[in-house]
Amino acid sequence: MNCRTTSGARMHLAAPRMTVATAGFSAMGARLGACLGFAAFLLASASASAQLLGSASNFAVLGATPNVANTGPTVVVGSVGVWPAAAITGFPPGLITPGTGFLNFGDSIAQQAQTDTTAAYLTLAGLVSAPILPALGGQVLVPGIYNAGAADLTGTLTLNGPGLYVFQTTSLTTASGPGASIVNLIGGATACDIWWQVGSSAAIGTFSAFQGNILALTSITVGTSASLQGRALARNGTVTLASNNVTACTGGTAPGFIVPPLAPLAPVAGAIPTLSEWAMVMLAALLAVAGYAAMRRRAG
């Protein structure tokens, strides 16, 4: 969009000059209004953007120390890495689907992924959330940012509708056994739009059908024959696998995410919106252009 103003033709008769000047300022006002409208759109987008998962989006499994450990014929779609430790055990019999990723043992790639995981974890932990019951089974939720405390899933958690789901938890546990714990997605919800920020460790029970990106402060254990559509990213501990299917999600808003309006929360009285640094720069530039154009017209 061209937000510059152009000079109108100068007239030598007094009355026409006033008409042209009025038309010029009207045109300038229209252009300025359009530019400010465009800036407002960018401001809304900027305020909704949150930090990207970055290079960690390439990983389905990422551990820290002492290792990443697997038993049985686990199949992973995506990379498996560890840092600062350099031990990944159980591959084989575990395998990475050809063409989807690599094993990264304590290298710079895994190190950067851990850095990006930490950044994303802190962003998730800092979001304003609405409290929900920690017993997740039987709940039906729409997109939002939720604080579930010591979350436990026994039964089925249903997520209904496209958009972002963030669960801030102090711990995460799911029940074991066929059909005992399921995350069910309906109405356009996708695994890549689900984020589990876990303040300690996560334990996904045997035969669980789990969905979403798990970012745990300590360790992640995925029980025997459990499936995970998403990622298991442990910041300080290990990731333990056992005859699992782990698929790094694709689609949705991954590797980044957009923070939606906090529908579950009531508006805060007297809250004043703030502008980001880039928004302030953009607004100042637009006002400077408008002021310069006005001065040029007065001088003419």
Protein backbone atom coordinates (compact mmCIF):
# COMPACT_ATOMS: atom_id res chain seq x y z
CA MET A 1 0.00 0.00 0.00
CA ASN A 2 1.36 3.41 -0.93
CA CYS A 3 0.93 5.67 2.08
CA ARG A 4 2.63 8.74 0.55
CA THR A 5 0.67 11.81 -0.38
CA THR A 6 1.06 13.58 -3.71
CA SER A 7 1.02 17.33 -4.34
CA GLY A 8 -2.08 18.73 -6.02
CA ALA A 9 -1.79 21.13 -9.02
CA ARG A 10 -1.29 24.76 -8.00
CA MET A 11 -4.01 27.18 -9.17
CA HIS A 12 -3.74 30.97 -9.61
CA LEU A 13 -7.37 31.86 -8.83
CA ALA A 14 -8.29 32.20 -5.14
CA ALA A 15 -11.57 30.27 -5.19
CA PRO A 16 -10.28 27.28 -7.17
CA ARG A 17 -7.18 27.19 -4.90
CA MET A 18 -9.46 26.68 -1.89
CA THR A 19 -11.37 23.94 -3.70
CA VAL A 20 -8.21 22.11 -4.73
CA ALA A 21 -6.72 22.50 -1.25
CA THR A 22 -9.87 21.10 0.33
CA ALA A 23 -9.91 18.18 -2.09
CA GLY A 24 -6.21 17.61 -1.49
CA PHE A 25 -6.61 17.48 2.26
CA SER A 26 -9.64 15.21 1.88
CA ALA A 27 -7.58 12.85 -0.28
CA MET A 28 -4.72 13.02 2.19
CA GLY A 29 -7.13 12.23 5.01
CA ALA A 30 -8.50 9.27 3.11
CA ARG A 31 -5.00 7.96 2.45
CA LEU A 32 -4.01 8.53 6.06
CA GLY A 33 -7.15 6.77 7.26
CA ALA A 34 -6.41 3.80 5.01
CA CYS A 35 -2.81 3.67 6.22
CA LEU A 36 -3.85 3.89 9.85
CA GLY A 37 -6.42 1.16 9.24
CA PHE A 38 -3.71 -1.02 7.73
CA ALA A 39 -1.46 -0.22 10.68
CA ALA A 40 -4.24 -1.18 13.08
CA PHE A 41 -4.56 -4.51 11.31
CA LEU A 42 -0.83 -5.09 11.71
CA LEU A 43 -1.01 -4.09 15.35
CA ALA A 44 -3.75 -6.63 15.99
CA SER A 45 -1.70 -9.30 14.25
CA ALA A 46 1.48 -8.33 16.10
CA SER A 47 -0.24 -8.44 19.49
CA ALA A 48 -1.52 -11.94 18.74
CA SER A 49 1.82 -13.39 17.68
CA ALA A 50 3.77 -15.46 20.15
CA GLN A 51 7.21 -16.91 20.01
CA LEU A 52 7.98 -19.65 17.50
CA LEU A 53 9.04 -23.14 18.47
CA GLY A 54 11.84 -22.64 15.97
CA SER A 55 14.25 -25.45 15.18
CA ALA A 56 12.65 -27.69 17.81
CA SER A 57 9.76 -28.15 15.37
CA ASN A 58 11.99 -30.62 13.50
CA PHE A 59 12.06 -32.92 16.53
CA ALA A 60 9.44 -35.42 17.59
CA VAL A 61 11.52 -36.38 20.64
CA LEU A 62 14.07 -34.21 22.45
CA GLY A 63 15.71 -34.95 25.78
CA ALA A 64 18.40 -33.33 27.92
CA THR A 65 20.11 -35.61 30.45
CA PRO A 66 21.09 -38.37 31.04
CA ASN A 67 19.70 -39.72 27.74
CA VAL A 68 16.78 -40.54 25.49
CA ALA A 69 15.89 -44.20 26.07
CA ASN A 70 13.69 -46.57 24.09
CA THR A 71 12.65 -50.19 24.34
CA GLY A 72 10.74 -52.10 21.70
CA PRO A 73 9.78 -51.29 18.09
CA THR A 74 9.01 -47.58 18.50
CA VAL A 75 8.36 -45.69 15.26
CA VAL A 76 9.11 -41.96 15.21
CA VAL A 77 8.17 -39.49 12.49
CA GLY A 78 10.63 -36.62 12.98
CA SER A 79 14.05 -36.25 14.55
CA VAL A 80 15.18 -37.67 17.90
CA GLY A 81 17.77 -35.67 19.82
CA VAL A 82 19.46 -35.09 23.15
CA TRP A 83 21.52 -32.25 24.64
CA PRO A 84 23.63 -31.69 26.73
CA ALA A 85 23.90 -35.47 27.12
CA ALA A 86 25.01 -37.46 24.08
CA ALA A 87 23.30 -40.82 24.64
CA ILE A 88 20.30 -42.17 22.73
CA THR A 89 19.59 -45.83 23.44
CA GLY A 90 17.21 -48.30 21.80
CA PHE A 91 17.54 -47.13 18.17
CA PRO A 92 17.32 -49.84 16.85
CA PRO A 93 14.95 -51.54 17.52
CA GLY A 94 13.33 -48.12 17.48
CA LEU A 95 13.46 -46.38 14.12
CA ILE A 96 12.89 -43.04 12.49
CA THR A 97 10.67 -43.16 9.42
CA PRO A 98 13.08 -42.61 6.50
CA GLY A 99 13.13 -39.08 5.20
CA THR A 100 11.47 -37.54 8.26
CA GLY A 101 14.39 -36.89 10.61
CA PHE A 102 17.71 -37.83 12.17
CA LEU A 103 19.35 -38.92 15.40
CA ASN A 104 21.12 -35.91 16.96
CA PHE A 105 23.50 -36.89 19.77
CA GLY A 106 24.60 -33.89 21.83
CA ASP A 107 25.39 -31.82 18.76
CA SER A 108 24.83 -28.17 17.89
CA ILE A 109 21.50 -28.97 16.21
CA ALA A 110 20.12 -30.55 19.38
CA GLN A 111 21.56 -27.70 21.44
CA GLN A 112 19.74 -25.09 19.36
CA ALA A 113 16.54 -27.12 19.57
CA GLN A 114 16.84 -27.12 23.37
CA THR A 115 17.34 -23.35 23.34
CA ASP A 116 14.23 -22.91 21.21
CA THR A 117 12.26 -25.32 23.39
CA THR A 118 13.15 -23.30 26.48
CA ALA A 119 12.03 -20.08 24.80
CA ALA A 120 8.71 -21.61 23.76
CA TYR A 121 8.20 -23.14 27.22
CA LEU A 122 8.69 -19.76 28.91
CA THR A 123 6.30 -18.11 26.47
CA LEU A 124 3.61 -20.70 27.18
CA ALA A 125 4.14 -20.41 30.93
CA GLY A 126 3.75 -16.63 30.76
CA LEU A 127 0.36 -16.57 29.03
CA VAL A 128 -2.67 -15.44 30.99
CA SER A 129 -4.98 -18.41 31.43
CA ALA A 130 -8.37 -19.48 32.73
CA PRO A 131 -8.49 -22.17 35.46
CA ILE A 132 -10.14 -25.51 34.74
CA LEU A 133 -10.50 -28.70 36.72
CA PRO A 134 -7.35 -30.85 36.71
CA ALA A 135 -9.48 -33.93 36.04
CA LEU A 136 -9.58 -33.56 32.26
CA GLY A 137 -11.64 -36.64 31.44
CA GLY A 138 -15.17 -35.80 30.29
CA GLN A 139 -14.46 -32.14 29.63
CA VAL A 140 -15.30 -30.56 26.26
CA LEU A 141 -13.21 -27.46 25.58
CA VAL A 142 -13.06 -24.84 22.85
CA PRO A 143 -9.84 -23.04 21.85
CA GLY A 144 -8.33 -21.15 24.75
CA ILE A 145 -5.52 -20.89 27.28
CA TYR A 146 -6.17 -23.02 30.35
CA ASN A 147 -4.50 -23.66 33.69
CA ALA A 148 -5.16 -27.25 34.70
CA GLY A 149 -2.80 -27.53 37.70
CA ALA A 150 -1.84 -31.15 38.41
CA ALA A 151 -3.58 -32.42 35.30
CA ASP A 152 -4.86 -35.96 35.11
CA LEU A 153 -6.60 -37.53 32.13
CA THR A 154 -8.79 -40.54 32.77
CA GLY A 155 -11.37 -41.03 30.04
CA THR A 156 -11.77 -38.71 27.07
CA LEU A 157 -10.86 -35.05 26.76
CA THR A 158 -12.65 -33.53 23.77
CA LEU A 159 -11.27 -30.44 22.03
CA ASN A 160 -13.82 -28.86 19.73
CA GLY A 161 -12.99 -26.36 17.01
CA PRO A 162 -10.01 -24.94 15.12
CA GLY A 163 -7.63 -22.72 17.02
CA LEU A 164 -5.05 -22.72 19.77
CA TYR A 165 -5.26 -24.84 22.91
CA VAL A 166 -2.68 -24.19 25.63
CA PHE A 167 -2.66 -26.19 28.87
CA GLN A 168 -0.47 -24.90 31.67
CA THR A 169 0.09 -27.70 34.18
CA THR A 170 2.25 -28.42 37.20
CA SER A 171 2.32 -32.08 36.19
CA LEU A 172 0.62 -34.29 33.61
CA THR A 173 -0.52 -37.89 34.00
CA THR A 174 -2.79 -40.05 31.86
CA ALA A 175 -4.44 -43.32 32.82
CA SER A 176 -3.14 -46.65 31.54
CA GLY A 177 -5.00 -49.32 29.62
CA PRO A 178 -6.79 -49.64 26.26
CA GLY A 179 -9.22 -46.73 25.93
CA ALA A 180 -8.37 -45.42 29.40
CA SER A 181 -7.14 -41.99 28.25
CA ILE A 182 -7.90 -40.31 24.92
CA VAL A 183 -7.58 -36.78 23.57
CA ASN A 184 -10.36 -36.55 20.98
CA LEU A 185 -10.26 -33.80 18.34
CA ILE A 186 -13.45 -32.67 16.61
CA GLY A 187 -14.72 -29.67 14.68
CA GLY A 188 -11.37 -28.88 13.05
CA ALA A 189 -9.09 -29.08 16.10
CA THR A 190 -5.56 -30.24 15.17
CA ALA A 191 -2.72 -31.77 17.16
CA CYS A 192 -0.30 -29.01 16.13
CA ASP A 193 -2.48 -26.40 17.80
CA ILE A 194 -2.33 -28.17 21.20
CA TRP A 195 0.41 -27.22 23.67
CA TRP A 196 1.08 -28.82 27.05
CA GLN A 197 3.39 -26.77 29.27
CA VAL A 198 4.33 -29.05 32.17
CA GLY A 199 6.05 -27.57 35.22
CA SER A 200 7.62 -30.87 36.26
CA SER A 201 7.29 -34.22 34.47
CA ALA A 202 4.73 -35.86 32.21
CA ALA A 203 3.72 -39.53 32.33
CA ILE A 204 1.64 -40.78 29.40
CA GLY A 205 0.05 -44.07 30.41
CA THR A 206 0.16 -47.33 28.48
CA PHE A 207 -2.14 -47.49 25.43
CA SER A 208 -2.98 -43.76 25.74
CA ALA A 209 -3.99 -41.93 22.56
CA PHE A 210 -2.48 -38.52 23.25
CA GLN A 211 -2.42 -35.38 21.13
CA GLY A 212 -0.33 -32.24 21.22
CA ASN A 213 3.12 -30.84 21.87
CA ILE A 214 4.41 -31.67 25.36
CA LEU A 215 7.05 -29.26 26.69
CA ALA A 216 8.11 -30.51 30.13
CA LEU A 217 10.53 -28.90 32.55
CA THR A 218 11.93 -32.26 33.63
CA SER A 219 11.14 -35.63 32.02
CA ILE A 220 8.57 -37.28 29.77
CA THR A 221 7.65 -40.96 29.96
CA VAL A 222 5.52 -42.47 27.20
CA GLY A 223 4.11 -45.80 28.36
CA THR A 224 4.10 -49.05 26.41
CA SER A 225 2.01 -48.97 23.22
CA ALA A 226 0.89 -45.36 23.78
CA SER A 227 0.65 -43.09 20.74
CA LEU A 228 1.53 -39.41 20.56
CA GLN A 229 0.50 -37.09 17.75
CA GLY A 230 2.72 -34.15 18.56
CA ARG A 231 6.08 -33.86 20.28
CA ALA A 232 7.83 -34.94 23.48
CA LEU A 233 10.30 -32.18 24.38
CA ALA A 234 11.98 -32.42 27.79
CA ARG A 235 14.08 -29.45 28.92
CA ASN A 236 16.18 -30.94 31.75
CA GLY A 237 15.47 -34.67 31.99
CA THR A 238 15.02 -37.69 29.79
CA VAL A 239 12.39 -38.93 27.37
CA THR A 240 11.56 -42.60 27.83
CA LEU A 241 9.79 -44.53 25.05
CA ALA A 242 8.41 -48.07 24.88
CA SER A 243 6.96 -49.51 21.66
CA ASN A 244 5.28 -46.22 20.75
CA ASN A 245 4.17 -44.35 17.67
CA VAL A 246 5.32 -40.73 17.94
CA THR A 247 4.48 -38.45 15.02
CA ALA A 248 5.67 -34.85 14.93
CA CYS A 249 2.50 -33.02 13.95
CA THR A 250 2.15 -31.10 10.72
CA GLY A 251 -0.34 -28.41 9.81
CA GLY A 252 -2.10 -26.10 12.21
CA THR A 253 -0.01 -23.15 13.32
CA ALA A 254 3.15 -25.14 14.11
CA PRO A 255 6.05 -24.51 14.48
CA GLY A 256 4.69 -21.29 15.90
CA PHE A 257 1.38 -20.39 17.41
CA ILE A 258 -1.10 -17.56 17.52
CA VAL A 259 -2.58 -16.54 20.83
CA PRO A 260 -6.39 -16.23 20.49
CA PRO A 261 -8.69 -13.95 22.49
CA LEU A 262 -9.14 -15.25 26.03
CA ALA A 263 -12.80 -16.21 25.63
CA PRO A 264 -13.00 -18.02 28.99
CA LEU A 265 -11.98 -14.88 30.88
CA ALA A 266 -14.13 -11.84 31.66
CA PRO A 267 -12.84 -8.47 30.41
CA VAL A 268 -10.69 -6.54 32.87
CA ALA A 269 -12.29 -3.21 33.75
CA GLY A 270 -10.16 -0.22 32.89
CA ALA A 271 -7.59 -2.26 30.97
CA ILE A 272 -5.61 -0.14 28.55
CA PRO A 273 -4.15 -1.81 25.44
CA THR A 274 -0.46 -1.26 24.82
CA LEU A 275 1.51 -1.12 21.59
CA SER A 276 4.57 -3.14 20.73
CA GLU A 277 7.84 -1.37 19.87
CA TRP A 278 7.38 -2.08 16.15
CA ALA A 279 3.82 -0.80 16.32
CA MET A 280 5.00 2.45 17.89
CA VAL A 281 7.64 2.88 15.19
CA MET A 282 5.05 2.26 12.45
CA LEU A 283 2.54 4.68 13.96
CA ALA A 284 5.20 7.38 14.41
CA ALA A 285 6.31 6.96 10.79
CA LEU A 286 2.76 7.30 9.49
CA LEU A 287 2.15 10.44 11.53
CA ALA A 288 5.46 11.90 10.35
CA VAL A 289 4.51 11.33 6.70
CA ALA A 290 1.13 12.97 7.23
CA GLY A 291 2.69 15.95 9.00
CA TYR A 292 5.31 16.44 6.31
CA ALA A 293 2.65 16.36 3.60
CA ALA A 294 0.57 18.96 5.44
CA MET A 295 3.59 21.27 5.81
CA ARG A 296 4.36 20.95 2.09
CA ARG A 297 0.81 21.97 1.21
CA ARG A 298 0.86 24.98 3.51
CA ALA A 299 4.22 26.11 2.11
CA GLY A 300 2.82 25.84 -1.45
